[in-house]
Amino acid sequence: GAFPEMEKTESVVEEWVRRACASVDAVWSEYTLYIASIGVGDVGQLAVDILMHSYDARRVTSLPSDDVVAYVSTNPLQREDKKEDKEDKKEGENDDDVMHTAMELYASPRHRVAFVQTRSMLRAAHTASWVRTIDAFARALRVRRVCVVASGNASFRNNDASMHASLRVAASPSSSSSSIEGVEEEDAMMM
C-alpha cells in the first residue's frame, strides 16, 4: 500500500481490539482508559500502577508492539491473595500464572476503568508510531474518555496557582480547560 505505517497500525490495533474483546465481556464505551506515558522517572507508569492497585484491576491481555523494547517478567503487581481466593479461581485466572510483557491492558469492570501499562522504553524513532497506535486503539474501543498519566516539567509550575487549584491539567498552550470535559476554569491550573 501507499502508507505502510498506517496499514501496520491498523493491523496491530485490530489484533489488540480482538484480544481486549475476547478477554473481557465489557462495554468499552462505558470505560475511562488511563494510559501510562513513558517519561522521566517512570512517573506515569508508577502512577498507573497505583491506580491499578486501587481499582483492583486485572490483566486483560498483552498488547504486542514493535514500538517498545521486548520485556517479559512474572507479575509485577503480584498480590498477596488469601489461599482460599487462589483456590476459588479457575486455572489461568490468576495473574501470577502468566508471563507479563512490555505493554498490557488491565481493567476493573466494577469501576469501568481500564489501563494501558507500558513497562518498557520506546525503541528509538518509534514515538510517533506508538502514539498513533495507542490513539487508534482508544478510538477503536470507543472508550468514554482517555487520560494520559505522565510526568511534567517542574519549571512550568506556578506555586500560587497550584495552592488554589483542585485539579492540575497539563495541556498545550492552545488548549483551554473549557475544552476538557468536566473541568471548570476556576478548578484547573493549566500548565
C-alpha atoms as a PDB file:
ATOM      1  CA  GLY A   1       0.000   0.000   0.000  1.00  0.00           C
ATOM      2  CA  ALA A   2       0.868   3.652  -0.258  1.00  0.00           C
ATOM      3  CA  PHE A   3       1.071   4.100   3.526  1.00  0.00           C
ATOM      4  CA  PRO A   4       2.724   1.025   5.119  1.00  0.00           C
ATOM      5  CA  GLU A   5       2.873   2.694   8.574  1.00  0.00           C
ATOM      6  CA  MET A   6      -0.909   3.164   8.574  1.00  0.00           C
ATOM      7  CA  GLU A   7      -1.513  -0.423   7.443  1.00  0.00           C
ATOM      8  CA  LYS A   8       0.792  -1.673  10.198  1.00  0.00           C
ATOM      9  CA  THR A   9      -1.048   0.457  12.772  1.00  0.00           C
ATOM     10  CA  GLU A  10      -4.445  -0.811  11.589  1.00  0.00           C
ATOM     11  CA  SER A  11      -3.256  -4.425  11.774  1.00  0.00           C
ATOM     12  CA  VAL A  12      -1.865  -4.016  15.298  1.00  0.00           C
ATOM     13  CA  VAL A  13      -4.984  -2.193  16.512  1.00  0.00           C
ATOM     14  CA  GLU A  14      -7.295  -4.862  15.056  1.00  0.00           C
ATOM     15  CA  GLU A  15      -5.345  -7.524  16.960  1.00  0.00           C
ATOM     16  CA  TRP A  16      -5.407  -5.516  20.211  1.00  0.00           C
ATOM     17  CA  VAL A  17      -9.166  -4.913  19.947  1.00  0.00           C
ATOM     18  CA  ARG A  18      -9.772  -8.595  19.188  1.00  0.00           C
ATOM     19  CA  ARG A  19      -7.752  -9.570  22.273  1.00  0.00           C
ATOM     20  CA  ALA A  20      -9.476  -6.996  24.506  1.00  0.00           C
ATOM     21  CA  CYS A  21     -12.980  -8.013  23.417  1.00  0.00           C
ATOM     22  CA  ALA A  22     -12.227 -11.748  23.626  1.00  0.00           C
ATOM     23  CA  SER A  23     -10.805 -11.469  27.144  1.00  0.00           C
ATOM     24  CA  VAL A  24     -13.373  -9.270  28.857  1.00  0.00           C
ATOM     25  CA  ASP A  25     -17.122  -9.017  28.420  1.00  0.00           C
ATOM     26  CA  ALA A  26     -17.081  -5.232  28.618  1.00  0.00           C
ATOM     27  CA  VAL A  27     -18.936  -2.351  27.089  1.00  0.00           C
ATOM     28  CA  TRP A  28     -15.782  -0.357  26.422  1.00  0.00           C
ATOM     29  CA  SER A  29     -17.775   2.805  25.667  1.00  0.00           C
ATOM     30  CA  GLU A  30     -18.542   2.998  29.404  1.00  0.00           C
ATOM     31  CA  TYR A  31     -14.847   2.899  30.363  1.00  0.00           C
ATOM     32  CA  THR A  32     -12.232   5.529  31.067  1.00  0.00           C
ATOM     33  CA  LEU A  33      -8.882   4.446  29.645  1.00  0.00           C
ATOM     34  CA  TYR A  34      -5.753   5.506  31.527  1.00  0.00           C
ATOM     35  CA  ILE A  35      -2.544   5.345  29.522  1.00  0.00           C
ATOM     36  CA  ALA A  36       0.839   5.357  31.226  1.00  0.00           C
ATOM     37  CA  SER A  37       3.086   7.712  29.314  1.00  0.00           C
ATOM     38  CA  ILE A  38       6.718   6.766  29.119  1.00  0.00           C
ATOM     39  CA  GLY A  39       8.772   9.584  30.589  1.00  0.00           C
ATOM     40  CA  VAL A  40      11.194  10.956  33.117  1.00  0.00           C
ATOM     41  CA  GLY A  41      11.416   8.903  36.295  1.00  0.00           C
ATOM     42  CA  ASP A  42       8.713   6.467  35.143  1.00  0.00           C
ATOM     43  CA  VAL A  43       6.167   8.703  36.902  1.00  0.00           C
ATOM     44  CA  GLY A  44       3.359   7.770  34.512  1.00  0.00           C
ATOM     45  CA  GLN A  45       3.956   4.044  34.919  1.00  0.00           C
ATOM     46  CA  LEU A  46       4.230   4.253  38.707  1.00  0.00           C
ATOM     47  CA  ALA A  47       1.064   6.364  38.988  1.00  0.00           C
ATOM     48  CA  VAL A  48      -0.850   3.905  36.793  1.00  0.00           C
ATOM     49  CA  ASP A  49       0.419   1.007  38.958  1.00  0.00           C
ATOM     50  CA  ILE A  50      -1.078   2.766  41.999  1.00  0.00           C
ATOM     51  CA  LEU A  51      -4.368   3.352  40.176  1.00  0.00           C
ATOM     52  CA  MET A  52      -4.494  -0.270  39.000  1.00  0.00           C
ATOM     53  CA  HIS A  53      -3.927  -1.487  42.537  1.00  0.00           C
ATOM     54  CA  SER A  54      -6.505   0.949  43.957  1.00  0.00           C
ATOM     55  CA  TYR A  55      -9.153  -0.152  41.444  1.00  0.00           C
ATOM     56  CA  ASP A  56      -8.221  -3.848  41.800  1.00  0.00           C
ATOM     57  CA  ALA A  57      -7.641  -4.029  38.049  1.00  0.00           C
ATOM     58  CA  ARG A  58      -6.794  -7.375  36.500  1.00  0.00           C
ATOM     59  CA  ARG A  59      -4.744  -8.149  33.435  1.00  0.00           C
ATOM     60  CA  VAL A  60      -6.884  -8.454  30.316  1.00  0.00           C
ATOM     61  CA  THR A  61      -4.262  -9.169  27.661  1.00  0.00           C
ATOM     62  CA  SER A  62      -0.825  -8.334  26.404  1.00  0.00           C
ATOM     63  CA  LEU A  63      -0.543  -5.688  23.692  1.00  0.00           C
ATOM     64  CA  PRO A  64       2.320  -6.815  21.448  1.00  0.00           C
ATOM     65  CA  SER A  65       4.135  -3.924  19.800  1.00  0.00           C
ATOM     66  CA  ASP A  66       7.298  -3.385  17.789  1.00  0.00           C
ATOM     67  CA  ASP A  67       7.398   0.153  19.219  1.00  0.00           C
ATOM     68  CA  VAL A  68       8.614  -0.910  22.672  1.00  0.00           C
ATOM     69  CA  VAL A  69      11.685  -2.846  23.742  1.00  0.00           C
ATOM     70  CA  ALA A  70      10.805  -6.500  24.380  1.00  0.00           C
ATOM     71  CA  TYR A  71      10.249  -7.335  28.043  1.00  0.00           C
ATOM     72  CA  VAL A  72       8.965 -10.408  29.875  1.00  0.00           C
ATOM     73  CA  SER A  73       8.550 -10.936  33.615  1.00  0.00           C
ATOM     74  CA  THR A  74       6.467 -12.530  36.283  1.00  0.00           C
ATOM     75  CA  ASN A  75       3.570 -10.468  37.609  1.00  0.00           C
ATOM     76  CA  PRO A  76       4.995  -7.055  38.559  1.00  0.00           C
ATOM     77  CA  LEU A  77       1.903  -6.412  40.720  1.00  0.00           C
ATOM     78  CA  GLN A  78       1.814  -9.783  42.458  1.00  0.00           C
ATOM     79  CA  ARG A  79      -0.859  -9.697  45.109  1.00  0.00           C
ATOM     80  CA  GLU A  80      -0.827 -11.408  48.444  1.00  0.00           C
ATOM     81  CA  ASP A  81      -4.131 -13.205  47.796  1.00  0.00           C
ATOM     82  CA  LYS A  82      -5.553 -15.338  50.533  1.00  0.00           C
ATOM     83  CA  LYS A  83      -5.112 -19.051  49.990  1.00  0.00           C
ATOM     84  CA  GLU A  84      -8.875 -19.582  49.612  1.00  0.00           C
ATOM     85  CA  ASP A  85      -9.053 -16.798  46.975  1.00  0.00           C
ATOM     86  CA  LYS A  86      -6.457 -18.611  44.843  1.00  0.00           C
ATOM     87  CA  GLU A  87      -8.305 -21.927  45.257  1.00  0.00           C
ATOM     88  CA  ASP A  88     -11.574 -20.331  44.070  1.00  0.00           C
ATOM     89  CA  LYS A  89     -10.029 -19.124  40.819  1.00  0.00           C
ATOM     90  CA  LYS A  90     -10.110 -21.270  37.718  1.00  0.00           C
ATOM     91  CA  GLU A  91      -6.846 -22.253  36.084  1.00  0.00           C
ATOM     92  CA  GLY A  92      -5.486 -19.332  34.081  1.00  0.00           C
ATOM     93  CA  GLU A  93      -7.458 -16.679  36.001  1.00  0.00           C
ATOM     94  CA  ASN A  94      -4.618 -15.873  38.352  1.00  0.00           C
ATOM     95  CA  ASP A  95      -2.411 -13.024  37.044  1.00  0.00           C
ATOM     96  CA  ASP A  96       0.556 -14.853  38.566  1.00  0.00           C
ATOM     97  CA  ASP A  97       0.071 -17.811  36.183  1.00  0.00           C
ATOM     98  CA  VAL A  98       1.084 -15.906  33.038  1.00  0.00           C
ATOM     99  CA  MET A  99       4.160 -14.116  31.822  1.00  0.00           C
ATOM    100  CA  HIS A 100       3.804 -10.352  31.620  1.00  0.00           C
ATOM    101  CA  THR A 101       5.062  -8.339  28.673  1.00  0.00           C
ATOM    102  CA  ALA A 102       6.164  -4.806  27.765  1.00  0.00           C
ATOM    103  CA  MET A 103       2.610  -3.482  27.162  1.00  0.00           C
ATOM    104  CA  GLU A 104      -0.580  -4.808  28.691  1.00  0.00           C
ATOM    105  CA  LEU A 105      -4.226  -3.917  29.068  1.00  0.00           C
ATOM    106  CA  TYR A 106      -5.750  -4.101  32.555  1.00  0.00           C
ATOM    107  CA  ALA A 107      -9.377  -3.474  33.534  1.00  0.00           C
ATOM    108  CA  SER A 108     -11.624  -3.078  36.538  1.00  0.00           C
ATOM    109  CA  PRO A 109     -15.163  -3.837  35.308  1.00  0.00           C
ATOM    110  CA  ARG A 110     -16.673  -2.812  38.643  1.00  0.00           C
ATOM    111  CA  HIS A 111     -15.251   0.712  38.304  1.00  0.00           C
ATOM    112  CA  ARG A 112     -15.417   0.902  34.492  1.00  0.00           C
ATOM    113  CA  VAL A 113     -11.749   1.825  34.184  1.00  0.00           C
ATOM    114  CA  ALA A 114      -9.033   0.301  32.014  1.00  0.00           C
ATOM    115  CA  PHE A 115      -5.309   0.862  31.849  1.00  0.00           C
ATOM    116  CA  VAL A 116      -2.627   0.538  29.186  1.00  0.00           C
ATOM    117  CA  GLN A 117       0.534  -0.113  31.157  1.00  0.00           C
ATOM    118  CA  THR A 118       3.910   0.086  29.416  1.00  0.00           C
ATOM    119  CA  ARG A 119       6.765  -1.483  31.355  1.00  0.00           C
ATOM    120  CA  SER A 120       9.497  -0.907  28.811  1.00  0.00           C
ATOM    121  CA  MET A 121      11.008   2.016  26.964  1.00  0.00           C
ATOM    122  CA  LEU A 122      10.157   3.026  23.427  1.00  0.00           C
ATOM    123  CA  ARG A 123      12.505   1.916  20.690  1.00  0.00           C
ATOM    124  CA  ALA A 124      14.488   4.696  19.029  1.00  0.00           C
ATOM    125  CA  ALA A 125      12.468   6.606  16.419  1.00  0.00           C
ATOM    126  CA  HIS A 126       9.200   4.821  17.358  1.00  0.00           C
ATOM    127  CA  THR A 127       7.473   7.547  19.393  1.00  0.00           C
ATOM    128  CA  ALA A 128       5.168   8.683  16.592  1.00  0.00           C
ATOM    129  CA  SER A 129       4.209   5.113  15.732  1.00  0.00           C
ATOM    130  CA  TRP A 130       3.479   4.314  19.406  1.00  0.00           C
ATOM    131  CA  VAL A 131       1.307   7.424  19.826  1.00  0.00           C
ATOM    132  CA  ARG A 132      -0.542   6.707  16.566  1.00  0.00           C
ATOM    133  CA  THR A 133      -1.213   3.093  17.621  1.00  0.00           C
ATOM    134  CA  ILE A 134      -2.378   3.969  21.157  1.00  0.00           C
ATOM    135  CA  ASP A 135      -4.655   6.698  19.767  1.00  0.00           C
ATOM    136  CA  ALA A 136      -6.141   4.331  17.179  1.00  0.00           C
ATOM    137  CA  PHE A 137      -6.663   1.660  19.852  1.00  0.00           C
ATOM    138  CA  ALA A 138      -8.570   4.037  22.151  1.00  0.00           C
ATOM    139  CA  ARG A 139     -10.701   5.194  19.208  1.00  0.00           C
ATOM    140  CA  ALA A 140     -11.371   1.619  18.057  1.00  0.00           C
ATOM    141  CA  LEU A 141     -12.515   0.592  21.558  1.00  0.00           C
ATOM    142  CA  ARG A 142     -14.676   3.739  21.624  1.00  0.00           C
ATOM    143  CA  VAL A 143     -13.835   4.342  25.287  1.00  0.00           C
ATOM    144  CA  ARG A 144     -15.745   7.095  27.066  1.00  0.00           C
ATOM    145  CA  ARG A 145     -12.637   9.134  27.817  1.00  0.00           C
ATOM    146  CA  VAL A 146      -8.866   8.846  27.780  1.00  0.00           C
ATOM    147  CA  CYS A 147      -6.477  10.091  30.456  1.00  0.00           C
ATOM    148  CA  VAL A 148      -2.744  10.099  29.784  1.00  0.00           C
ATOM    149  CA  VAL A 149      -0.757   9.877  33.009  1.00  0.00           C
ATOM    150  CA  ALA A 150       2.665  11.461  32.577  1.00  0.00           C
ATOM    151  CA  SER A 151       5.442  13.321  34.301  1.00  0.00           C
ATOM    152  CA  GLY A 152       5.695  17.051  33.740  1.00  0.00           C
ATOM    153  CA  ASN A 153       8.349  19.711  33.634  1.00  0.00           C
ATOM    154  CA  ALA A 154       8.504  21.292  37.096  1.00  0.00           C
ATOM    155  CA  SER A 155       9.869  24.538  35.634  1.00  0.00           C
ATOM    156  CA  PHE A 156       6.328  25.337  34.431  1.00  0.00           C
ATOM    157  CA  ARG A 157       4.919  25.053  37.937  1.00  0.00           C
ATOM    158  CA  ASN A 158       3.191  28.106  39.345  1.00  0.00           C
ATOM    159  CA  ASN A 159       3.069  27.759  43.127  1.00  0.00           C
ATOM    160  CA  ASP A 160       0.435  30.497  43.567  1.00  0.00           C
ATOM    161  CA  ALA A 161      -1.968  28.841  41.148  1.00  0.00           C
ATOM    162  CA  SER A 162      -1.362  25.341  42.490  1.00  0.00           C
ATOM    163  CA  MET A 163      -2.304  26.386  46.030  1.00  0.00           C
ATOM    164  CA  HIS A 164      -5.893  27.081  44.924  1.00  0.00           C
ATOM    165  CA  ALA A 165      -6.470  24.588  42.122  1.00  0.00           C
ATOM    166  CA  SER A 166      -8.226  21.320  42.926  1.00  0.00           C
ATOM    167  CA  LEU A 167      -7.041  19.814  39.657  1.00  0.00           C
ATOM    168  CA  ARG A 168      -3.862  20.194  37.634  1.00  0.00           C
ATOM    169  CA  VAL A 169      -4.280  19.829  33.904  1.00  0.00           C
ATOM    170  CA  ALA A 170      -1.296  19.653  31.641  1.00  0.00           C
ATOM    171  CA  ALA A 171      -2.287  20.824  28.193  1.00  0.00           C
ATOM    172  CA  SER A 172      -0.840  22.504  25.182  1.00  0.00           C
ATOM    173  CA  PRO A 173      -0.876  26.325  25.212  1.00  0.00           C
ATOM    174  CA  SER A 174      -3.668  26.336  22.595  1.00  0.00           C
ATOM    175  CA  SER A 175      -5.959  24.296  24.883  1.00  0.00           C
ATOM    176  CA  SER A 176      -8.263  25.691  27.491  1.00  0.00           C
ATOM    177  CA  SER A 177      -9.885  23.927  30.398  1.00  0.00           C
ATOM    178  CA  SER A 178     -13.253  24.579  28.788  1.00  0.00           C
ATOM    179  CA  SER A 179     -12.219  22.170  26.028  1.00  0.00           C
ATOM    180  CA  ILE A 180     -11.610  19.413  28.580  1.00  0.00           C
ATOM    181  CA  GLU A 181     -14.853  17.699  29.607  1.00  0.00           C
ATOM    182  CA  GLY A 182     -15.846  18.272  33.215  1.00  0.00           C
ATOM    183  CA  VAL A 183     -13.065  20.729  34.074  1.00  0.00           C
ATOM    184  CA  GLU A 184     -14.120  24.164  35.251  1.00  0.00           C
ATOM    185  CA  GLU A 185     -11.713  27.073  34.662  1.00  0.00           C
ATOM    186  CA  GLU A 186     -11.548  28.038  38.337  1.00  0.00           C
ATOM    187  CA  ASP A 187     -10.742  24.456  39.370  1.00  0.00           C
ATOM    188  CA  ALA A 188      -7.899  23.869  36.928  1.00  0.00           C
ATOM    189  CA  MET A 189      -4.410  25.191  36.698  1.00  0.00           C
ATOM    190  CA  MET A 190      -3.223  24.995  33.122  1.00  0.00           C
ATOM    191  CA  MET A 191       0.467  24.206  32.915  1.00  0.00           C
END
